[in-house]
Amino acid sequence: MPNPSLLRQSPELVSLGGAIRALRLAAGMSQEELAHLAEVDRSYLGRVERGDNNVAIMTLCRVAQALGVSGAQLLELAHL
């Protein structure tokens, strides 16, 4: 059975989620650790990394800060 979330994902959200995941893994962090630092739920962060959720700008800023980059740098890494 195909993944139904793939049918509603935008390329931009997938790219952003991939950039977050890449930075998180490069930092040696688990989703749980990053979620705690960014003050978001781990399952929500997983959906963001998969491109299933459209992240709010303030949440994006908290995630970026927890990863040690600016929001602008995160968007640039995602080619947005």
PDB file of N, CA and C in Angstrom:
ATOM      1  N   MET A   1       0.850  -1.182   0.000  1.00  0.00           N
ATOM      2  CA  MET A   1       0.000   0.000   0.000  1.00  0.00           C
ATOM      3  C   MET A   1       0.893   1.243   0.000  1.00  0.00           C
ATOM      4  N   PRO A   2       0.654   2.177  -0.884  1.00  0.00           N
ATOM      5  CA  PRO A   2       1.484   3.391  -0.918  1.00  0.00           C
ATOM      6  C   PRO A   2       1.267   4.259   0.311  1.00  0.00           C
ATOM      7  N   ASN A   3       2.277   5.032   0.656  1.00  0.00           N
ATOM      8  CA  ASN A   3       2.203   5.946   1.791  1.00  0.00           C
ATOM      9  C   ASN A   3       1.305   7.118   1.408  1.00  0.00           C
ATOM     10  N   PRO A   4       0.138   7.262   2.057  1.00  0.00           N
ATOM     11  CA  PRO A   4      -0.784   8.346   1.675  1.00  0.00           C
ATOM     12  C   PRO A   4      -0.212   9.730   1.925  1.00  0.00           C
ATOM     13  N   SER A   5       0.745   9.841   2.867  1.00  0.00           N
ATOM     14  CA  SER A   5       1.306  11.163   3.136  1.00  0.00           C
ATOM     15  C   SER A   5       2.114  11.677   1.950  1.00  0.00           C
ATOM     16  N   LEU A   6       2.646  10.773   1.123  1.00  0.00           N
ATOM     17  CA  LEU A   6       3.406  11.211  -0.047  1.00  0.00           C
ATOM     18  C   LEU A   6       2.534  11.977  -1.035  1.00  0.00           C
ATOM     19  N   LEU A   7       1.238  11.725  -1.013  1.00  0.00           N
ATOM     20  CA  LEU A   7       0.325  12.372  -1.949  1.00  0.00           C
ATOM     21  C   LEU A   7       0.048  13.818  -1.572  1.00  0.00           C
ATOM     22  N   ARG A   8       0.294  14.191  -0.309  1.00  0.00           N
ATOM     23  CA  ARG A   8      -0.007  15.554   0.114  1.00  0.00           C
ATOM     24  C   ARG A   8       1.240  16.357   0.476  1.00  0.00           C
ATOM     25  N   GLN A   9       2.412  15.782   0.297  1.00  0.00           N
ATOM     26  CA  GLN A   9       3.640  16.481   0.648  1.00  0.00           C
ATOM     27  C   GLN A   9       4.060  17.435  -0.457  1.00  0.00           C
ATOM     28  N   SER A  10       4.454  18.620  -0.062  1.00  0.00           N
ATOM     29  CA  SER A  10       4.991  19.554  -1.048  1.00  0.00           C
ATOM     30  C   SER A  10       6.502  19.360  -1.089  1.00  0.00           C
ATOM     31  N   PRO A  11       7.113  19.581  -2.239  1.00  0.00           N
ATOM     32  CA  PRO A  11       8.574  19.445  -2.344  1.00  0.00           C
ATOM     33  C   PRO A  11       9.312  20.366  -1.374  1.00  0.00           C
ATOM     34  N   GLU A  12       8.755  21.539  -1.114  1.00  0.00           N
ATOM     35  CA  GLU A  12       9.394  22.481  -0.197  1.00  0.00           C
ATOM     36  C   GLU A  12       9.427  21.938   1.229  1.00  0.00           C
ATOM     37  N   LEU A  13       8.320  21.345   1.671  1.00  0.00           N
ATOM     38  CA  LEU A  13       8.277  20.791   3.021  1.00  0.00           C
ATOM     39  C   LEU A  13       9.186  19.577   3.158  1.00  0.00           C
ATOM     40  N   VAL A  14       9.262  18.770   2.113  1.00  0.00           N
ATOM     41  CA  VAL A  14      10.154  17.610   2.124  1.00  0.00           C
ATOM     42  C   VAL A  14      11.608  18.078   2.190  1.00  0.00           C
ATOM     43  N   SER A  15      11.943  19.111   1.435  1.00  0.00           N
ATOM     44  CA  SER A  15      13.292  19.657   1.438  1.00  0.00           C
ATOM     45  C   SER A  15      13.656  20.234   2.805  1.00  0.00           C
ATOM     46  N   LEU A  16      12.735  20.976   3.403  1.00  0.00           N
ATOM     47  CA  LEU A  16      12.975  21.549   4.720  1.00  0.00           C
ATOM     48  C   LEU A  16      13.166  20.441   5.755  1.00  0.00           C
ATOM     49  N   GLY A  17      12.303  19.451   5.722  1.00  0.00           N
ATOM     50  CA  GLY A  17      12.428  18.334   6.654  1.00  0.00           C
ATOM     51  C   GLY A  17      13.739  17.587   6.488  1.00  0.00           C
ATOM     52  N   GLY A  18      14.167  17.435   5.242  1.00  0.00           N
ATOM     53  CA  GLY A  18      15.444  16.771   4.988  1.00  0.00           C
ATOM     54  C   GLY A  18      16.613  17.560   5.542  1.00  0.00           C
ATOM     55  N   ALA A  19      16.547  18.876   5.426  1.00  0.00           N
ATOM     56  CA  ALA A  19      17.613  19.734   5.962  1.00  0.00           C
ATOM     57  C   ALA A  19      17.658  19.643   7.484  1.00  0.00           C
ATOM     58  N   ILE A  20      16.496  19.632   8.112  1.00  0.00           N
ATOM     59  CA  ILE A  20      16.446  19.499   9.573  1.00  0.00           C
ATOM     60  C   ILE A  20      17.024  18.159   9.992  1.00  0.00           C
ATOM     61  N   ARG A  21      16.617  17.105   9.319  1.00  0.00           N
ATOM     62  CA  ARG A  21      17.118  15.763   9.642  1.00  0.00           C
ATOM     63  C   ARG A  21      18.638  15.681   9.455  1.00  0.00           C
ATOM     64  N   ALA A  22      19.141  16.237   8.347  1.00  0.00           N
ATOM     65  CA  ALA A  22      20.580  16.193   8.083  1.00  0.00           C
ATOM     66  C   ALA A  22      21.376  16.920   9.164  1.00  0.00           C
ATOM     67  N   LEU A  23      20.906  18.100   9.565  1.00  0.00           N
ATOM     68  CA  LEU A  23      21.590  18.848  10.615  1.00  0.00           C
ATOM     69  C   LEU A  23      21.512  18.118  11.955  1.00  0.00           C
ATOM     70  N   ARG A  24      20.364  17.530  12.232  1.00  0.00           N
ATOM     71  CA  ARG A  24      20.189  16.794  13.488  1.00  0.00           C
ATOM     72  C   ARG A  24      21.142  15.606  13.546  1.00  0.00           C
ATOM     73  N   LEU A  25      21.214  14.852  12.467  1.00  0.00           N
ATOM     74  CA  LEU A  25      22.095  13.686  12.438  1.00  0.00           C
ATOM     75  C   LEU A  25      23.566  14.096  12.498  1.00  0.00           C
ATOM     76  N   ALA A  26      23.919  15.182  11.807  1.00  0.00           N
ATOM     77  CA  ALA A  26      25.297  15.677  11.842  1.00  0.00           C
ATOM     78  C   ALA A  26      25.696  16.098  13.255  1.00  0.00           C
ATOM     79  N   ALA A  27      24.719  16.559  14.029  1.00  0.00           N
ATOM     80  CA  ALA A  27      24.973  16.970  15.408  1.00  0.00           C
ATOM     81  C   ALA A  27      24.927  15.787  16.374  1.00  0.00           C
ATOM     82  N   GLY A  28      24.587  14.610  15.853  1.00  0.00           N
ATOM     83  CA  GLY A  28      24.514  13.425  16.696  1.00  0.00           C
ATOM     84  C   GLY A  28      23.345  13.433  17.660  1.00  0.00           C
ATOM     85  N   MET A  29      22.255  14.099  17.250  1.00  0.00           N
ATOM     86  CA  MET A  29      21.071  14.223  18.107  1.00  0.00           C
ATOM     87  C   MET A  29      19.974  13.265  17.668  1.00  0.00           C
ATOM     88  N   SER A  30      19.235  12.788  18.635  1.00  0.00           N
ATOM     89  CA  SER A  30      18.027  12.020  18.326  1.00  0.00           C
ATOM     90  C   SER A  30      16.883  13.003  18.097  1.00  0.00           C
ATOM     91  N   GLN A  31      15.800  12.501  17.513  1.00  0.00           N
ATOM     92  CA  GLN A  31      14.609  13.350  17.366  1.00  0.00           C
ATOM     93  C   GLN A  31      14.127  13.804  18.737  1.00  0.00           C
ATOM     94  N   GLU A  32      14.191  12.922  19.694  1.00  0.00           N
ATOM     95  CA  GLU A  32      13.721  13.263  21.041  1.00  0.00           C
ATOM     96  C   GLU A  32      14.551  14.398  21.644  1.00  0.00           C
ATOM     97  N   GLU A  33      15.874  14.339  21.469  1.00  0.00           N
ATOM     98  CA  GLU A  33      16.737  15.403  21.998  1.00  0.00           C
ATOM     99  C   GLU A  33      16.441  16.738  21.331  1.00  0.00           C
ATOM    100  N   LEU A  34      16.332  16.725  20.000  1.00  0.00           N
ATOM    101  CA  LEU A  34      16.044  17.964  19.285  1.00  0.00           C
ATOM    102  C   LEU A  34      14.677  18.509  19.667  1.00  0.00           C
ATOM    103  N   ALA A  35      13.699  17.637  19.748  1.00  0.00           N
ATOM    104  CA  ALA A  35      12.348  18.069  20.124  1.00  0.00           C
ATOM    105  C   ALA A  35      12.358  18.723  21.507  1.00  0.00           C
ATOM    106  N   HIS A  36      13.090  18.138  22.428  1.00  0.00           N
ATOM    107  CA  HIS A  36      13.168  18.706  23.776  1.00  0.00           C
ATOM    108  C   HIS A  36      13.805  20.099  23.735  1.00  0.00           C
ATOM    109  N   LEU A  37      14.928  20.233  23.020  1.00  0.00           N
ATOM    110  CA  LEU A  37      15.606  21.528  22.934  1.00  0.00           C
ATOM    111  C   LEU A  37      14.745  22.588  22.244  1.00  0.00           C
ATOM    112  N   ALA A  38      13.970  22.164  21.241  1.00  0.00           N
ATOM    113  CA  ALA A  38      13.136  23.097  20.485  1.00  0.00           C
ATOM    114  C   ALA A  38      11.752  23.274  21.099  1.00  0.00           C
ATOM    115  N   GLU A  39      11.476  22.543  22.170  1.00  0.00           N
ATOM    116  CA  GLU A  39      10.193  22.623  22.871  1.00  0.00           C
ATOM    117  C   GLU A  39       9.007  22.277  21.975  1.00  0.00           C
ATOM    118  N   VAL A  40       9.174  21.162  21.222  1.00  0.00           N
ATOM    119  CA  VAL A  40       8.086  20.620  20.407  1.00  0.00           C
ATOM    120  C   VAL A  40       7.954  19.135  20.717  1.00  0.00           C
ATOM    121  N   ASP A  41       6.823  18.564  20.366  1.00  0.00           N
ATOM    122  CA  ASP A  41       6.603  17.141  20.573  1.00  0.00           C
ATOM    123  C   ASP A  41       7.441  16.333  19.587  1.00  0.00           C
ATOM    124  N   ARG A  42       7.997  15.205  20.034  1.00  0.00           N
ATOM    125  CA  ARG A  42       8.829  14.377  19.175  1.00  0.00           C
ATOM    126  C   ARG A  42       8.077  13.889  17.941  1.00  0.00           C
ATOM    127  N   SER A  43       6.829  13.507  18.113  1.00  0.00           N
ATOM    128  CA  SER A  43       6.066  13.021  16.962  1.00  0.00           C
ATOM    129  C   SER A  43       5.817  14.147  15.953  1.00  0.00           C
ATOM    130  N   TYR A  44       5.629  15.363  16.442  1.00  0.00           N
ATOM    131  CA  TYR A  44       5.469  16.516  15.552  1.00  0.00           C
ATOM    132  C   TYR A  44       6.758  16.741  14.764  1.00  0.00           C
ATOM    133  N   LEU A  45       7.900  16.679  15.453  1.00  0.00           N
ATOM    134  CA  LEU A  45       9.181  16.852  14.773  1.00  0.00           C
ATOM    135  C   LEU A  45       9.368  15.779  13.697  1.00  0.00           C
ATOM    136  N   GLY A  46       8.955  14.567  13.980  1.00  0.00           N
ATOM    137  CA  GLY A  46       9.046  13.491  12.977  1.00  0.00           C
ATOM    138  C   GLY A  46       8.218  13.814  11.753  1.00  0.00           C
ATOM    139  N   ARG A  47       7.034  14.356  11.964  1.00  0.00           N
ATOM    140  CA  ARG A  47       6.175  14.729  10.826  1.00  0.00           C
ATOM    141  C   ARG A  47       6.792  15.874  10.032  1.00  0.00           C
ATOM    142  N   VAL A  48       7.441  16.816  10.725  1.00  0.00           N
ATOM    143  CA  VAL A  48       8.123  17.917  10.041  1.00  0.00           C
ATOM    144  C   VAL A  48       9.271  17.363   9.205  1.00  0.00           C
ATOM    145  N   GLU A  49      10.058  16.463   9.768  1.00  0.00           N
ATOM    146  CA  GLU A  49      11.184  15.883   9.040  1.00  0.00           C
ATOM    147  C   GLU A  49      10.724  15.097   7.816  1.00  0.00           C
ATOM    148  N   ARG A  50       9.566  14.481   7.877  1.00  0.00           N
ATOM    149  CA  ARG A  50       9.036  13.743   6.725  1.00  0.00           C
ATOM    150  C   ARG A  50       8.370  14.654   5.697  1.00  0.00           C
ATOM    151  N   GLY A  51       8.134  15.918   6.064  1.00  0.00           N
ATOM    152  CA  GLY A  51       7.457  16.836   5.156  1.00  0.00           C
ATOM    153  C   GLY A  51       5.953  16.756   5.246  1.00  0.00           C
ATOM    154  N   ASP A  52       5.447  16.161   6.318  1.00  0.00           N
ATOM    155  CA  ASP A  52       4.000  16.019   6.491  1.00  0.00           C
ATOM    156  C   ASP A  52       3.356  17.243   7.123  1.00  0.00           C
ATOM    157  N   ASN A  53       4.136  18.047   7.854  1.00  0.00           N
ATOM    158  CA  ASN A  53       3.587  19.213   8.542  1.00  0.00           C
ATOM    159  C   ASN A  53       4.211  20.493   8.022  1.00  0.00           C
ATOM    160  N   ASN A  54       3.387  21.522   7.903  1.00  0.00           N
ATOM    161  CA  ASN A  54       3.849  22.855   7.530  1.00  0.00           C
ATOM    162  C   ASN A  54       4.196  23.574   8.832  1.00  0.00           C
ATOM    163  N   VAL A  55       5.478  23.736   9.083  1.00  0.00           N
ATOM    164  CA  VAL A  55       5.953  24.251  10.360  1.00  0.00           C
ATOM    165  C   VAL A  55       5.752  25.767  10.444  1.00  0.00           C
ATOM    166  N   ALA A  56       5.294  26.238  11.601  1.00  0.00           N
ATOM    167  CA  ALA A  56       5.120  27.674  11.836  1.00  0.00           C
ATOM    168  C   ALA A  56       6.485  28.340  11.977  1.00  0.00           C
ATOM    169  N   ILE A  57       6.570  29.606  11.648  1.00  0.00           N
ATOM    170  CA  ILE A  57       7.842  30.323  11.640  1.00  0.00           C
ATOM    171  C   ILE A  57       8.501  30.337  13.015  1.00  0.00           C
ATOM    172  N   MET A  58       7.752  30.510  14.087  1.00  0.00           N
ATOM    173  CA  MET A  58       8.351  30.534  15.422  1.00  0.00           C
ATOM    174  C   MET A  58       8.897  29.156  15.797  1.00  0.00           C
ATOM    175  N   THR A  59       8.200  28.110  15.394  1.00  0.00           N
ATOM    176  CA  THR A  59       8.697  26.761  15.645  1.00  0.00           C
ATOM    177  C   THR A  59       9.950  26.512  14.815  1.00  0.00           C
ATOM    178  N   LEU A  60       9.948  26.972  13.580  1.00  0.00           N
ATOM    179  CA  LEU A  60      11.120  26.842  12.722  1.00  0.00           C
ATOM    180  C   LEU A  60      12.322  27.537  13.363  1.00  0.00           C
ATOM    181  N   CYS A  61      12.115  28.698  13.930  1.00  0.00           N
ATOM    182  CA  CYS A  61      13.197  29.437  14.596  1.00  0.00           C
ATOM    183  C   CYS A  61      13.720  28.667  15.807  1.00  0.00           C
ATOM    184  N   ARG A  62      12.824  28.055  16.586  1.00  0.00           N
ATOM    185  CA  ARG A  62      13.263  27.279  17.755  1.00  0.00           C
ATOM    186  C   ARG A  62      14.042  26.037  17.327  1.00  0.00           C
ATOM    187  N   VAL A  63      13.585  25.373  16.273  1.00  0.00           N
ATOM    188  CA  VAL A  63      14.296  24.193  15.762  1.00  0.00           C
ATOM    189  C   VAL A  63      15.673  24.605  15.252  1.00  0.00           C
ATOM    190  N   ALA A  64      15.724  25.690  14.482  1.00  0.00           N
ATOM    191  CA  ALA A  64      17.002  26.159  13.952  1.00  0.00           C
ATOM    192  C   ALA A  64      17.958  26.502  15.090  1.00  0.00           C
ATOM    193  N   GLN A  65      17.474  27.221  16.095  1.00  0.00           N
ATOM    194  CA  GLN A  65      18.315  27.601  17.227  1.00  0.00           C
ATOM    195  C   GLN A  65      18.837  26.360  17.949  1.00  0.00           C
ATOM    196  N   ALA A  66      17.988  25.364  18.122  1.00  0.00           N
ATOM    197  CA  ALA A  66      18.401  24.124  18.782  1.00  0.00           C
ATOM    198  C   ALA A  66      19.459  23.385  17.973  1.00  0.00           C
ATOM    199  N   LEU A  67      19.454  23.604  16.661  1.00  0.00           N
ATOM    200  CA  LEU A  67      20.450  22.986  15.780  1.00  0.00           C
ATOM    201  C   LEU A  67      21.704  23.839  15.633  1.00  0.00           C
ATOM    202  N   GLY A  68      21.681  25.034  16.213  1.00  0.00           N
ATOM    203  CA  GLY A  68      22.849  25.904  16.163  1.00  0.00           C
ATOM    204  C   GLY A  68      23.001  26.702  14.889  1.00  0.00           C
ATOM    205  N   VAL A  69      21.890  26.897  14.174  1.00  0.00           N
ATOM    206  CA  VAL A  69      21.900  27.701  12.955  1.00  0.00           C
ATOM    207  C   VAL A  69      20.779  28.729  13.035  1.00  0.00           C
ATOM    208  N   SER A  70      20.816  29.694  12.147  1.00  0.00           N
ATOM    209  CA  SER A  70      19.716  30.660  12.080  1.00  0.00           C
ATOM    210  C   SER A  70      18.592  30.087  11.221  1.00  0.00           C
ATOM    211  N   GLY A  71      17.431  30.690  11.339  1.00  0.00           N
ATOM    212  CA  GLY A  71      16.321  30.287  10.479  1.00  0.00           C
ATOM    213  C   GLY A  71      16.669  30.462   9.017  1.00  0.00           C
ATOM    214  N   ALA A  72      17.364  31.558   8.703  1.00  0.00           N
ATOM    215  CA  ALA A  72      17.770  31.819   7.313  1.00  0.00           C
ATOM    216  C   ALA A  72      18.730  30.752   6.815  1.00  0.00           C
ATOM    217  N   GLN A  73      19.672  30.332   7.663  1.00  0.00           N
ATOM    218  CA  GLN A  73      20.617  29.289   7.261  1.00  0.00           C
ATOM    219  C   GLN A  73      19.895  27.966   7.018  1.00  0.00           C
ATOM    220  N   LEU A  74      18.929  27.670   7.867  1.00  0.00           N
ATOM    221  CA  LEU A  74      18.162  26.437   7.703  1.00  0.00           C
ATOM    222  C   LEU A  74      17.404  26.455   6.378  1.00  0.00           C
ATOM    223  N   LEU A  75      16.768  27.571   6.068  1.00  0.00           N
ATOM    224  CA  LEU A  75      16.044  27.689   4.796  1.00  0.00           C
ATOM    225  C   LEU A  75      16.999  27.599   3.612  1.00  0.00           C
ATOM    226  N   GLU A  76      18.186  28.185   3.757  1.00  0.00           N
ATOM    227  CA  GLU A  76      19.169  28.111   2.685  1.00  0.00           C
ATOM    228  C   GLU A  76      19.632  26.676   2.461  1.00  0.00           C
ATOM    229  N   LEU A  77      19.863  25.939   3.538  1.00  0.00           N
ATOM    230  CA  LEU A  77      20.253  24.537   3.416  1.00  0.00           C
ATOM    231  C   LEU A  77      19.162  23.709   2.741  1.00  0.00           C
ATOM    232  N   ALA A  78      17.914  24.123   2.920  1.00  0.00           N
ATOM    233  CA  ALA A  78      16.791  23.447   2.293  1.00  0.00           C
ATOM    234  C   ALA A  78      16.540  23.937   0.863  1.00  0.00           C
ATOM    235  N   HIS A  79      17.372  24.880   0.417  1.00  0.00           N
ATOM    236  CA  HIS A  79      17.238  25.481  -0.928  1.00  0.00           C
ATOM    237  C   HIS A  79      15.898  26.187  -1.089  1.00  0.00           C
ATOM    238  N   LEU A  80      15.485  26.893  -0.042  1.00  0.00           N
ATOM    239  CA  LEU A  80      14.221  27.647  -0.086  1.00  0.00           C
ATOM    240  C   LEU A  80      14.496  29.125   0.002  1.00  0.00           C
TER     241      LEU A  80
END
